[in-house]
Amino acid sequence: MNFETMNIWCWLIPLLVGAICGILGYLIGKSGNKTIDNSAEIKVLEDKNAKLKAELEACNKKATTSVNLGASAASFAAGAAVASIPFDADGAKAIFGKAIKQDDLKVVEGIGPKIEGMFKDAGIKTWKALSEASVADCQKVLDGGGKRYQVHDPASWPMQAKMCYEGKWKELLKWQEEHKHGKL
């Protein structure tokens, strides 16, 4: 072997080994487990979630109380069935900026076409029926759809459906915007 050929290899081999070690070191360092302490952020979100659940429970109690008082007053006064609240499509369109069909369960944040179909199959076909359903009943319908639907949280669905049924479109839109359309 001559001196020039040996001189090239003396430079080339360490450069290749160094480059390979550098790449492997970078990849190993990048793929290493990184633990980030998000406990403070998690605590804030848990507190926010607890507060929202308390607010929702208070709203549900208020709604249940007013429904019970309204039903007993109506039966006392007339002895007849309570008349349904007329649907105002123009009012809904003015608030939401799109046409809303009566008893379209998809207006409720978190309900899409497939979940709406599951509720209709379970006999919950109107906003009024959904507003009178318990959260546990809503969860049973979701559980019937398998694991894919068990991740949804129906806690606010009866309350939102009640706003739809009563034509409280401004309140519904405000609630949905405050809750970032289900993405707190």
N, C-alpha and C. Protein backbone atom coordinates (compact mmCIF):
# COMPACT_ATOMS: atom_id res chain seq x y z
N MET A 1 0.85 -1.16 0.00
CA MET A 1 0.00 0.00 0.00
C MET A 1 0.90 1.23 0.00
N ASN A 2 0.54 2.19 -0.80
CA ASN A 2 1.40 3.37 -0.84
C ASN A 2 0.97 4.41 0.19
N PHE A 3 1.78 5.39 0.37
CA PHE A 3 1.59 6.40 1.41
C PHE A 3 0.36 7.25 1.20
N GLU A 4 0.02 7.64 -0.05
CA GLU A 4 -1.14 8.50 -0.33
C GLU A 4 -2.44 7.76 -0.06
N THR A 5 -2.55 6.48 -0.43
CA THR A 5 -3.76 5.71 -0.19
C THR A 5 -3.98 5.55 1.31
N MET A 6 -2.93 5.27 2.05
CA MET A 6 -3.05 5.12 3.48
C MET A 6 -3.43 6.44 4.16
N ASN A 7 -2.94 7.54 3.66
CA ASN A 7 -3.24 8.84 4.21
C ASN A 7 -4.72 9.18 4.06
N ILE A 8 -5.34 8.83 2.93
CA ILE A 8 -6.78 9.08 2.71
C ILE A 8 -7.60 8.26 3.69
N TRP A 9 -7.27 7.01 3.87
CA TRP A 9 -8.02 6.16 4.78
C TRP A 9 -7.86 6.62 6.23
N CYS A 10 -6.73 7.14 6.56
CA CYS A 10 -6.53 7.65 7.91
C CYS A 10 -7.47 8.82 8.21
N TRP A 11 -7.85 9.54 7.22
CA TRP A 11 -8.80 10.64 7.39
C TRP A 11 -10.24 10.19 7.19
N LEU A 12 -10.47 9.32 6.23
CA LEU A 12 -11.82 8.91 5.86
C LEU A 12 -12.50 8.05 6.92
N ILE A 13 -11.81 7.09 7.49
CA ILE A 13 -12.41 6.19 8.48
C ILE A 13 -12.84 6.96 9.73
N PRO A 14 -12.00 7.80 10.33
CA PRO A 14 -12.48 8.55 11.50
C PRO A 14 -13.65 9.49 11.18
N LEU A 15 -13.63 10.08 9.97
CA LEU A 15 -14.76 10.95 9.58
C LEU A 15 -16.05 10.15 9.47
N LEU A 16 -16.02 8.98 8.86
CA LEU A 16 -17.22 8.15 8.73
C LEU A 16 -17.71 7.68 10.10
N VAL A 17 -16.80 7.21 10.93
CA VAL A 17 -17.17 6.77 12.27
C VAL A 17 -17.76 7.94 13.07
N GLY A 18 -17.17 9.10 12.97
CA GLY A 18 -17.68 10.27 13.67
C GLY A 18 -19.07 10.67 13.18
N ALA A 19 -19.27 10.64 11.86
CA ALA A 19 -20.58 10.99 11.30
C ALA A 19 -21.64 9.99 11.74
N ILE A 20 -21.31 8.69 11.70
CA ILE A 20 -22.27 7.67 12.12
C ILE A 20 -22.60 7.83 13.61
N CYS A 21 -21.59 8.05 14.43
CA CYS A 21 -21.82 8.26 15.87
C CYS A 21 -22.66 9.51 16.13
N GLY A 22 -22.40 10.56 15.39
CA GLY A 22 -23.17 11.79 15.54
C GLY A 22 -24.63 11.59 15.20
N ILE A 23 -24.90 10.89 14.10
CA ILE A 23 -26.29 10.62 13.68
C ILE A 23 -26.98 9.74 14.71
N LEU A 24 -26.30 8.66 15.14
CA LEU A 24 -26.90 7.78 16.14
C LEU A 24 -27.16 8.52 17.46
N GLY A 25 -26.21 9.34 17.88
CA GLY A 25 -26.40 10.12 19.10
C GLY A 25 -27.60 11.06 18.99
N TYR A 26 -27.75 11.70 17.86
CA TYR A 26 -28.88 12.61 17.63
C TYR A 26 -30.20 11.85 17.70
N LEU A 27 -30.26 10.70 17.00
CA LEU A 27 -31.50 9.93 16.98
C LEU A 27 -31.85 9.37 18.35
N ILE A 28 -30.85 8.88 19.07
CA ILE A 28 -31.11 8.36 20.41
C ILE A 28 -31.55 9.49 21.34
N GLY A 29 -30.90 10.62 21.27
CA GLY A 29 -31.28 11.75 22.11
C GLY A 29 -32.68 12.27 21.80
N LYS A 30 -33.04 12.28 20.52
CA LYS A 30 -34.35 12.79 20.12
C LYS A 30 -35.46 11.84 20.52
N SER A 31 -35.18 10.53 20.49
CA SER A 31 -36.24 9.56 20.79
C SER A 31 -36.34 9.25 22.27
N GLY A 32 -35.48 9.82 23.09
CA GLY A 32 -35.52 9.55 24.53
C GLY A 32 -36.81 10.03 25.15
N ASN A 33 -37.21 9.36 26.23
CA ASN A 33 -38.44 9.76 26.93
C ASN A 33 -38.25 11.12 27.57
N LYS A 34 -39.16 11.98 27.26
CA LYS A 34 -39.13 13.31 27.86
C LYS A 34 -40.31 13.40 28.81
N THR A 35 -40.06 13.71 30.04
CA THR A 35 -41.13 13.87 30.99
C THR A 35 -41.29 15.36 31.27
N ILE A 36 -42.50 15.80 31.03
CA ILE A 36 -42.81 17.20 31.23
C ILE A 36 -43.80 17.27 32.39
N ASP A 37 -43.54 18.14 33.30
CA ASP A 37 -44.41 18.28 34.46
C ASP A 37 -45.53 19.26 34.14
N ASN A 38 -46.69 18.68 33.84
CA ASN A 38 -47.88 19.48 33.54
C ASN A 38 -48.85 19.47 34.71
N SER A 39 -48.38 19.12 35.89
CA SER A 39 -49.29 18.97 37.01
C SER A 39 -50.03 20.27 37.35
N ALA A 40 -49.37 21.40 37.21
CA ALA A 40 -50.05 22.67 37.50
C ALA A 40 -51.17 22.92 36.49
N GLU A 41 -50.88 22.68 35.22
CA GLU A 41 -51.89 22.87 34.18
C GLU A 41 -53.04 21.88 34.35
N ILE A 42 -52.72 20.64 34.70
CA ILE A 42 -53.75 19.63 34.92
C ILE A 42 -54.64 20.04 36.09
N LYS A 43 -54.03 20.55 37.15
CA LYS A 43 -54.79 20.98 38.33
C LYS A 43 -55.76 22.10 37.97
N VAL A 44 -55.29 23.06 37.17
CA VAL A 44 -56.16 24.17 36.75
C VAL A 44 -57.33 23.64 35.94
N LEU A 45 -57.05 22.72 35.01
CA LEU A 45 -58.13 22.16 34.18
C LEU A 45 -59.09 21.31 35.00
N GLU A 46 -58.58 20.57 35.99
CA GLU A 46 -59.46 19.78 36.86
C GLU A 46 -60.36 20.70 37.68
N ASP A 47 -59.82 21.80 38.18
CA ASP A 47 -60.62 22.77 38.93
C ASP A 47 -61.70 23.38 38.04
N LYS A 48 -61.32 23.72 36.81
CA LYS A 48 -62.27 24.30 35.87
C LYS A 48 -63.38 23.29 35.56
N ASN A 49 -62.99 22.02 35.38
CA ASN A 49 -63.97 20.98 35.09
C ASN A 49 -64.93 20.79 36.26
N ALA A 50 -64.41 20.79 37.49
CA ALA A 50 -65.25 20.65 38.67
C ALA A 50 -66.23 21.82 38.78
N LYS A 51 -65.75 23.02 38.48
CA LYS A 51 -66.62 24.20 38.54
C LYS A 51 -67.74 24.09 37.50
N LEU A 52 -67.39 23.67 36.29
CA LEU A 52 -68.39 23.53 35.24
C LEU A 52 -69.41 22.45 35.57
N LYS A 53 -68.95 21.35 36.16
CA LYS A 53 -69.88 20.30 36.56
C LYS A 53 -70.84 20.80 37.63
N ALA A 54 -70.32 21.60 38.57
CA ALA A 54 -71.18 22.16 39.61
C ALA A 54 -72.22 23.10 39.00
N GLU A 55 -71.79 23.93 38.04
CA GLU A 55 -72.72 24.84 37.36
C GLU A 55 -73.78 24.05 36.61
N LEU A 56 -73.36 23.00 35.94
CA LEU A 56 -74.30 22.18 35.18
C LEU A 56 -75.31 21.50 36.10
N GLU A 57 -74.83 20.99 37.22
CA GLU A 57 -75.72 20.36 38.18
C GLU A 57 -76.73 21.36 38.73
N ALA A 58 -76.28 22.58 39.00
CA ALA A 58 -77.19 23.62 39.49
C ALA A 58 -78.24 23.95 38.43
N CYS A 59 -77.80 24.04 37.18
CA CYS A 59 -78.75 24.32 36.09
C CYS A 59 -79.75 23.19 35.93
N ASN A 60 -79.28 21.94 36.03
CA ASN A 60 -80.18 20.80 35.91
C ASN A 60 -81.20 20.77 37.05
N LYS A 61 -80.76 21.09 38.27
CA LYS A 61 -81.69 21.13 39.40
C LYS A 61 -82.73 22.23 39.19
N LYS A 62 -82.25 23.39 38.71
CA LYS A 62 -83.17 24.50 38.46
C LYS A 62 -84.17 24.13 37.37
N ALA A 63 -83.68 23.47 36.31
CA ALA A 63 -84.56 23.07 35.22
C ALA A 63 -85.57 22.04 35.69
N THR A 64 -85.14 21.08 36.50
CA THR A 64 -86.04 20.06 37.02
C THR A 64 -87.09 20.68 37.91
N THR A 65 -86.68 21.60 38.75
CA THR A 65 -87.63 22.28 39.64
C THR A 65 -88.65 23.07 38.85
N SER A 66 -88.19 23.82 37.85
CA SER A 66 -89.12 24.64 37.07
C SER A 66 -90.05 23.77 36.23
N VAL A 67 -89.54 22.63 35.73
CA VAL A 67 -90.41 21.72 34.96
C VAL A 67 -91.47 21.14 35.88
N ASN A 68 -91.08 20.71 37.09
CA ASN A 68 -92.05 20.15 38.03
C ASN A 68 -93.07 21.19 38.46
N LEU A 69 -92.62 22.41 38.74
CA LEU A 69 -93.56 23.47 39.13
C LEU A 69 -94.49 23.82 37.98
N GLY A 70 -93.94 23.91 36.77
CA GLY A 70 -94.75 24.25 35.61
C GLY A 70 -95.78 23.17 35.31
N ALA A 71 -95.40 21.92 35.45
CA ALA A 71 -96.33 20.83 35.16
C ALA A 71 -97.45 20.78 36.18
N SER A 72 -97.12 20.96 37.46
CA SER A 72 -98.18 20.91 38.48
C SER A 72 -99.11 22.12 38.37
N ALA A 73 -98.58 23.29 38.03
CA ALA A 73 -99.42 24.48 37.87
C ALA A 73 -100.35 24.31 36.68
N ALA A 74 -99.84 23.77 35.60
CA ALA A 74 -100.68 23.58 34.41
C ALA A 74 -101.76 22.56 34.67
N SER A 75 -101.42 21.46 35.35
CA SER A 75 -102.45 20.45 35.61
C SER A 75 -103.47 20.96 36.61
N PHE A 76 -103.04 21.80 37.55
CA PHE A 76 -103.96 22.38 38.51
C PHE A 76 -104.90 23.36 37.83
N ALA A 77 -104.39 24.21 36.96
CA ALA A 77 -105.20 25.26 36.33
C ALA A 77 -106.16 24.70 35.30
N ALA A 78 -105.69 23.84 34.44
CA ALA A 78 -106.53 23.40 33.33
C ALA A 78 -106.92 21.95 33.40
N GLY A 79 -106.04 21.13 34.00
CA GLY A 79 -106.33 19.71 34.03
C GLY A 79 -106.09 19.07 32.68
N ALA A 80 -105.47 19.78 31.76
CA ALA A 80 -105.23 19.26 30.43
C ALA A 80 -103.73 19.15 30.19
N ALA A 81 -103.39 18.59 29.03
CA ALA A 81 -101.97 18.45 28.66
C ALA A 81 -101.36 19.82 28.42
N VAL A 82 -100.08 19.95 28.74
CA VAL A 82 -99.36 21.20 28.54
C VAL A 82 -99.13 21.40 27.04
N ALA A 83 -99.46 22.57 26.54
CA ALA A 83 -99.29 22.85 25.11
C ALA A 83 -97.81 22.94 24.79
N SER A 84 -97.45 22.51 23.59
CA SER A 84 -96.05 22.58 23.20
C SER A 84 -95.69 24.00 22.77
N ILE A 85 -94.42 24.30 22.88
CA ILE A 85 -93.91 25.62 22.52
C ILE A 85 -93.70 25.64 21.01
N PRO A 86 -94.24 26.65 20.31
CA PRO A 86 -94.08 26.68 18.85
C PRO A 86 -92.62 26.92 18.45
N PHE A 87 -92.21 26.28 17.38
CA PHE A 87 -90.83 26.40 16.87
C PHE A 87 -90.72 27.64 15.98
N ASP A 88 -89.72 28.47 16.27
CA ASP A 88 -89.48 29.69 15.50
C ASP A 88 -88.23 29.50 14.63
N ALA A 89 -88.42 29.00 13.42
CA ALA A 89 -87.31 28.73 12.50
C ALA A 89 -86.57 30.02 12.13
N ASP A 90 -87.32 31.10 11.94
CA ASP A 90 -86.68 32.37 11.57
C ASP A 90 -85.80 32.91 12.70
N GLY A 91 -86.27 32.77 13.93
CA GLY A 91 -85.47 33.22 15.08
C GLY A 91 -84.19 32.41 15.21
N ALA A 92 -84.29 31.10 15.00
CA ALA A 92 -83.10 30.25 15.07
C ALA A 92 -82.11 30.60 13.97
N LYS A 93 -82.63 30.84 12.78
CA LYS A 93 -81.76 31.17 11.65
C LYS A 93 -81.08 32.52 11.88
N ALA A 94 -81.80 33.46 12.47
CA ALA A 94 -81.22 34.77 12.73
C ALA A 94 -80.05 34.68 13.70
N ILE A 95 -80.14 33.80 14.67
CA ILE A 95 -79.08 33.67 15.68
C ILE A 95 -77.92 32.83 15.16
N PHE A 96 -78.22 31.68 14.55
CA PHE A 96 -77.17 30.75 14.13
C PHE A 96 -76.65 31.03 12.72
N GLY A 97 -77.38 31.82 11.95
CA GLY A 97 -76.93 32.15 10.60
C GLY A 97 -77.12 31.03 9.59
N LYS A 98 -77.90 30.04 9.96
CA LYS A 98 -78.21 28.94 9.04
C LYS A 98 -79.58 28.39 9.41
N ALA A 99 -80.18 27.72 8.46
CA ALA A 99 -81.51 27.16 8.68
C ALA A 99 -81.42 26.03 9.70
N ILE A 100 -82.32 26.04 10.65
CA ILE A 100 -82.41 25.01 11.67
C ILE A 100 -83.76 24.32 11.50
N LYS A 101 -83.71 22.99 11.41
CA LYS A 101 -84.95 22.23 11.31
C LYS A 101 -85.45 21.90 12.71
N GLN A 102 -86.75 21.85 12.84
CA GLN A 102 -87.34 21.53 14.14
C GLN A 102 -86.89 20.15 14.59
N ASP A 103 -86.53 20.05 15.85
CA ASP A 103 -86.10 18.81 16.50
C ASP A 103 -84.86 18.18 15.86
N ASP A 104 -84.00 19.02 15.27
CA ASP A 104 -82.71 18.56 14.75
C ASP A 104 -81.76 18.44 15.93
N LEU A 105 -81.52 17.22 16.37
CA LEU A 105 -80.69 17.00 17.56
C LEU A 105 -79.24 17.40 17.34
N LYS A 106 -78.83 17.55 16.08
CA LYS A 106 -77.44 17.93 15.78
C LYS A 106 -77.14 19.37 16.18
N VAL A 107 -78.15 20.15 16.49
CA VAL A 107 -77.93 21.52 16.97
C VAL A 107 -77.25 21.47 18.34
N VAL A 108 -77.52 20.42 19.09
CA VAL A 108 -76.91 20.24 20.40
C VAL A 108 -75.43 19.92 20.20
N GLU A 109 -74.57 20.69 20.85
CA GLU A 109 -73.13 20.54 20.71
C GLU A 109 -72.71 19.15 21.18
N GLY A 110 -72.02 18.41 20.31
CA GLY A 110 -71.55 17.07 20.64
C GLY A 110 -72.35 15.98 19.96
N ILE A 111 -73.49 16.32 19.37
CA ILE A 111 -74.31 15.32 18.68
C ILE A 111 -74.14 15.51 17.18
N GLY A 112 -73.70 14.46 16.53
CA GLY A 112 -73.56 14.45 15.08
C GLY A 112 -74.62 13.55 14.47
N PRO A 113 -74.53 13.31 13.17
CA PRO A 113 -75.54 12.51 12.48
C PRO A 113 -75.68 11.08 13.03
N LYS A 114 -74.58 10.43 13.34
CA LYS A 114 -74.66 9.04 13.82
C LYS A 114 -75.25 8.97 15.23
N ILE A 115 -74.84 9.89 16.08
CA ILE A 115 -75.39 9.89 17.44
C ILE A 115 -76.87 10.27 17.40
N GLU A 116 -77.23 11.20 16.53
CA GLU A 116 -78.65 11.55 16.38
C GLU A 116 -79.45 10.31 15.98
N GLY A 117 -78.92 9.53 15.05
CA GLY A 117 -79.60 8.29 14.64
C GLY A 117 -79.75 7.32 15.79
N MET A 118 -78.73 7.20 16.63
CA MET A 118 -78.81 6.30 17.79
C MET A 118 -79.90 6.76 18.76
N PHE A 119 -80.00 8.08 18.98
CA PHE A 119 -81.03 8.59 19.88
C PHE A 119 -82.42 8.37 19.29
N LYS A 120 -82.56 8.60 18.01
CA LYS A 120 -83.87 8.40 17.38
C LYS A 120 -84.27 6.93 17.43
N ASP A 121 -83.30 6.03 17.24
CA ASP A 121 -83.58 4.60 17.36
C ASP A 121 -83.99 4.22 18.78
N ALA A 122 -83.49 4.97 19.76
CA ALA A 122 -83.82 4.72 21.16
C ALA A 122 -85.13 5.41 21.57
N GLY A 123 -85.77 6.09 20.63
CA GLY A 123 -87.06 6.74 20.93
C GLY A 123 -86.95 8.19 21.34
N ILE A 124 -85.74 8.75 21.35
CA ILE A 124 -85.55 10.16 21.69
C ILE A 124 -85.42 10.91 20.38
N LYS A 125 -86.56 11.44 19.89
CA LYS A 125 -86.61 12.00 18.55
C LYS A 125 -86.77 13.52 18.51
N THR A 126 -87.02 14.12 19.67
CA THR A 126 -87.29 15.56 19.69
C THR A 126 -86.42 16.23 20.74
N TRP A 127 -86.32 17.56 20.63
CA TRP A 127 -85.60 18.33 21.64
C TRP A 127 -86.26 18.15 23.00
N LYS A 128 -87.58 18.13 23.01
CA LYS A 128 -88.31 17.98 24.27
C LYS A 128 -87.97 16.65 24.92
N ALA A 129 -87.97 15.58 24.13
CA ALA A 129 -87.66 14.26 24.68
C ALA A 129 -86.23 14.21 25.20
N LEU A 130 -85.30 14.81 24.48
CA LEU A 130 -83.91 14.83 24.93
C LEU A 130 -83.77 15.70 26.19
N SER A 131 -84.51 16.80 26.26
CA SER A 131 -84.42 17.66 27.44
C SER A 131 -84.96 16.96 28.69
N GLU A 132 -85.86 16.01 28.50
CA GLU A 132 -86.44 15.28 29.63
C GLU A 132 -85.67 14.01 29.97
N ALA A 133 -84.72 13.64 29.11
CA ALA A 133 -83.90 12.45 29.37
C ALA A 133 -82.84 12.76 30.40
N SER A 134 -82.51 11.78 31.21
CA SER A 134 -81.44 11.98 32.18
C SER A 134 -80.10 11.78 31.49
N VAL A 135 -79.06 12.29 32.11
CA VAL A 135 -77.72 12.12 31.56
C VAL A 135 -77.38 10.63 31.52
N ALA A 136 -77.84 9.87 32.52
CA ALA A 136 -77.60 8.42 32.55
C ALA A 136 -78.27 7.73 31.35
N ASP A 137 -79.49 8.18 31.00
CA ASP A 137 -80.16 7.61 29.83
C ASP A 137 -79.39 7.93 28.56
N CYS A 138 -78.89 9.15 28.46
CA CYS A 138 -78.10 9.54 27.28
C CYS A 138 -76.84 8.67 27.20
N GLN A 139 -76.21 8.43 28.34
CA GLN A 139 -74.99 7.61 28.35
C GLN A 139 -75.31 6.17 27.95
N LYS A 140 -76.48 5.66 28.34
CA LYS A 140 -76.87 4.30 27.95
C LYS A 140 -77.00 4.20 26.43
N VAL A 141 -77.57 5.23 25.82
CA VAL A 141 -77.70 5.23 24.35
C VAL A 141 -76.31 5.20 23.72
N LEU A 142 -75.40 6.03 24.25
CA LEU A 142 -74.03 6.06 23.72
C LEU A 142 -73.32 4.73 23.95
N ASP A 143 -73.50 4.14 25.12
CA ASP A 143 -72.85 2.87 25.43
C ASP A 143 -73.33 1.78 24.47
N GLY A 144 -74.57 1.88 24.04
CA GLY A 144 -75.11 0.90 23.09
C GLY A 144 -74.42 0.95 21.73
N GLY A 145 -73.74 2.05 21.44
CA GLY A 145 -73.03 2.18 20.16
C GLY A 145 -71.62 1.64 20.19
N GLY A 146 -71.17 1.17 21.34
CA GLY A 146 -69.82 0.62 21.45
C GLY A 146 -68.83 1.63 21.98
N LYS A 147 -67.57 1.20 22.04
CA LYS A 147 -66.51 2.02 22.62
C LYS A 147 -66.31 3.33 21.89
N ARG A 148 -66.60 3.35 20.60
CA ARG A 148 -66.40 4.56 19.81
C ARG A 148 -67.23 5.73 20.33
N TYR A 149 -68.40 5.43 20.87
CA TYR A 149 -69.31 6.49 21.32
C TYR A 149 -69.27 6.71 22.82
N GLN A 150 -68.61 5.82 23.57
CA GLN A 150 -68.56 5.94 25.02
C GLN A 150 -67.69 7.11 25.47
N VAL A 151 -66.86 7.64 24.58
CA VAL A 151 -65.97 8.75 24.95
C VAL A 151 -66.72 10.09 24.99
N HIS A 152 -67.90 10.16 24.42
CA HIS A 152 -68.66 11.42 24.40
C HIS A 152 -69.23 11.70 25.79
N ASP A 153 -69.34 12.97 26.12
CA ASP A 153 -69.88 13.37 27.42
C ASP A 153 -71.23 14.06 27.21
N PRO A 154 -72.33 13.36 27.53
CA PRO A 154 -73.66 13.93 27.30
C PRO A 154 -74.19 14.78 28.45
N ALA A 155 -73.32 15.21 29.35
CA ALA A 155 -73.77 15.91 30.56
C ALA A 155 -74.59 17.16 30.26
N SER A 156 -74.26 17.88 29.19
CA SER A 156 -74.97 19.13 28.90
C SER A 156 -76.07 18.97 27.85
N TRP A 157 -76.20 17.80 27.27
CA TRP A 157 -77.14 17.62 26.17
C TRP A 157 -78.60 17.90 26.55
N PRO A 158 -79.10 17.38 27.69
CA PRO A 158 -80.49 17.71 28.05
C PRO A 158 -80.71 19.21 28.23
N MET A 159 -79.72 19.90 28.84
CA MET A 159 -79.85 21.34 29.05
C MET A 159 -79.88 22.08 27.70
N GLN A 160 -78.98 21.70 26.78
CA GLN A 160 -78.95 22.35 25.47
C GLN A 160 -80.25 22.06 24.71
N ALA A 161 -80.74 20.83 24.80
CA ALA A 161 -81.99 20.46 24.12
C ALA A 161 -83.16 21.27 24.67
N LYS A 162 -83.12 21.53 25.98
CA LYS A 162 -84.19 22.34 26.58
C LYS A 162 -84.17 23.76 26.03
N MET A 163 -82.97 24.31 25.85
CA MET A 163 -82.86 25.65 25.26
C MET A 163 -83.41 25.64 23.83
N CYS A 164 -83.13 24.58 23.08
CA CYS A 164 -83.66 24.47 21.71
C CYS A 164 -85.18 24.42 21.75
N TYR A 165 -85.71 23.53 22.59
CA TYR A 165 -87.16 23.34 22.69
C TYR A 165 -87.86 24.63 23.09
N GLU A 166 -87.25 25.37 24.00
CA GLU A 166 -87.87 26.61 24.48
C GLU A 166 -87.57 27.80 23.58
N GLY A 167 -86.79 27.59 22.53
CA GLY A 167 -86.48 28.67 21.60
C GLY A 167 -85.50 29.70 22.15
N LYS A 168 -84.67 29.31 23.09
CA LYS A 168 -83.69 30.21 23.69
C LYS A 168 -82.39 30.14 22.89
N TRP A 169 -82.46 30.62 21.66
CA TRP A 169 -81.35 30.48 20.73
C TRP A 169 -80.14 31.33 21.13
N LYS A 170 -80.39 32.53 21.62
CA LYS A 170 -79.27 33.39 22.05
C LYS A 170 -78.51 32.74 23.21
N GLU A 171 -79.26 32.23 24.18
CA GLU A 171 -78.63 31.59 25.33
C GLU A 171 -77.84 30.36 24.90
N LEU A 172 -78.41 29.57 23.97
CA LEU A 172 -77.72 28.36 23.49
C LEU A 172 -76.42 28.72 22.79
N LEU A 173 -76.49 29.69 21.89
CA LEU A 173 -75.28 30.10 21.17
C LEU A 173 -74.22 30.63 22.14
N LYS A 174 -74.65 31.43 23.11
CA LYS A 174 -73.71 31.98 24.10
C LYS A 174 -73.06 30.84 24.89
N TRP A 175 -73.87 29.88 25.32
CA TRP A 175 -73.33 28.74 26.08
C TRP A 175 -72.32 27.97 25.24
N GLN A 176 -72.66 27.69 23.98
CA GLN A 176 -71.76 26.92 23.12
C GLN A 176 -70.47 27.68 22.86
N GLU A 177 -70.55 28.99 22.69
CA GLU A 177 -69.34 29.78 22.46
C GLU A 177 -68.47 29.84 23.72
N GLU A 178 -69.10 29.97 24.88
CA GLU A 178 -68.35 30.01 26.14
C GLU A 178 -67.63 28.70 26.39
N HIS A 179 -68.20 27.63 25.92
CA HIS A 179 -67.59 26.32 26.12
C HIS A 179 -66.80 25.88 24.89
N LYS A 180 -66.51 26.83 24.03
CA LYS A 180 -65.67 26.61 22.85
C LYS A 180 -66.11 25.40 22.06
N HIS A 181 -67.40 25.26 21.93
CA HIS A 181 -67.99 24.19 21.15
C HIS A 181 -67.47 22.82 21.59
N GLY A 182 -67.47 22.62 22.91
CA GLY A 182 -67.09 21.33 23.45
C GLY A 182 -65.61 21.12 23.62
N LYS A 183 -64.79 22.11 23.40
CA LYS A 183 -63.33 21.95 23.48
C LYS A 183 -62.77 22.90 24.53
N LEU A 184 -63.10 22.65 25.79
CA LEU A 184 -62.59 23.50 26.87
C LEU A 184 -61.15 23.44 26.86
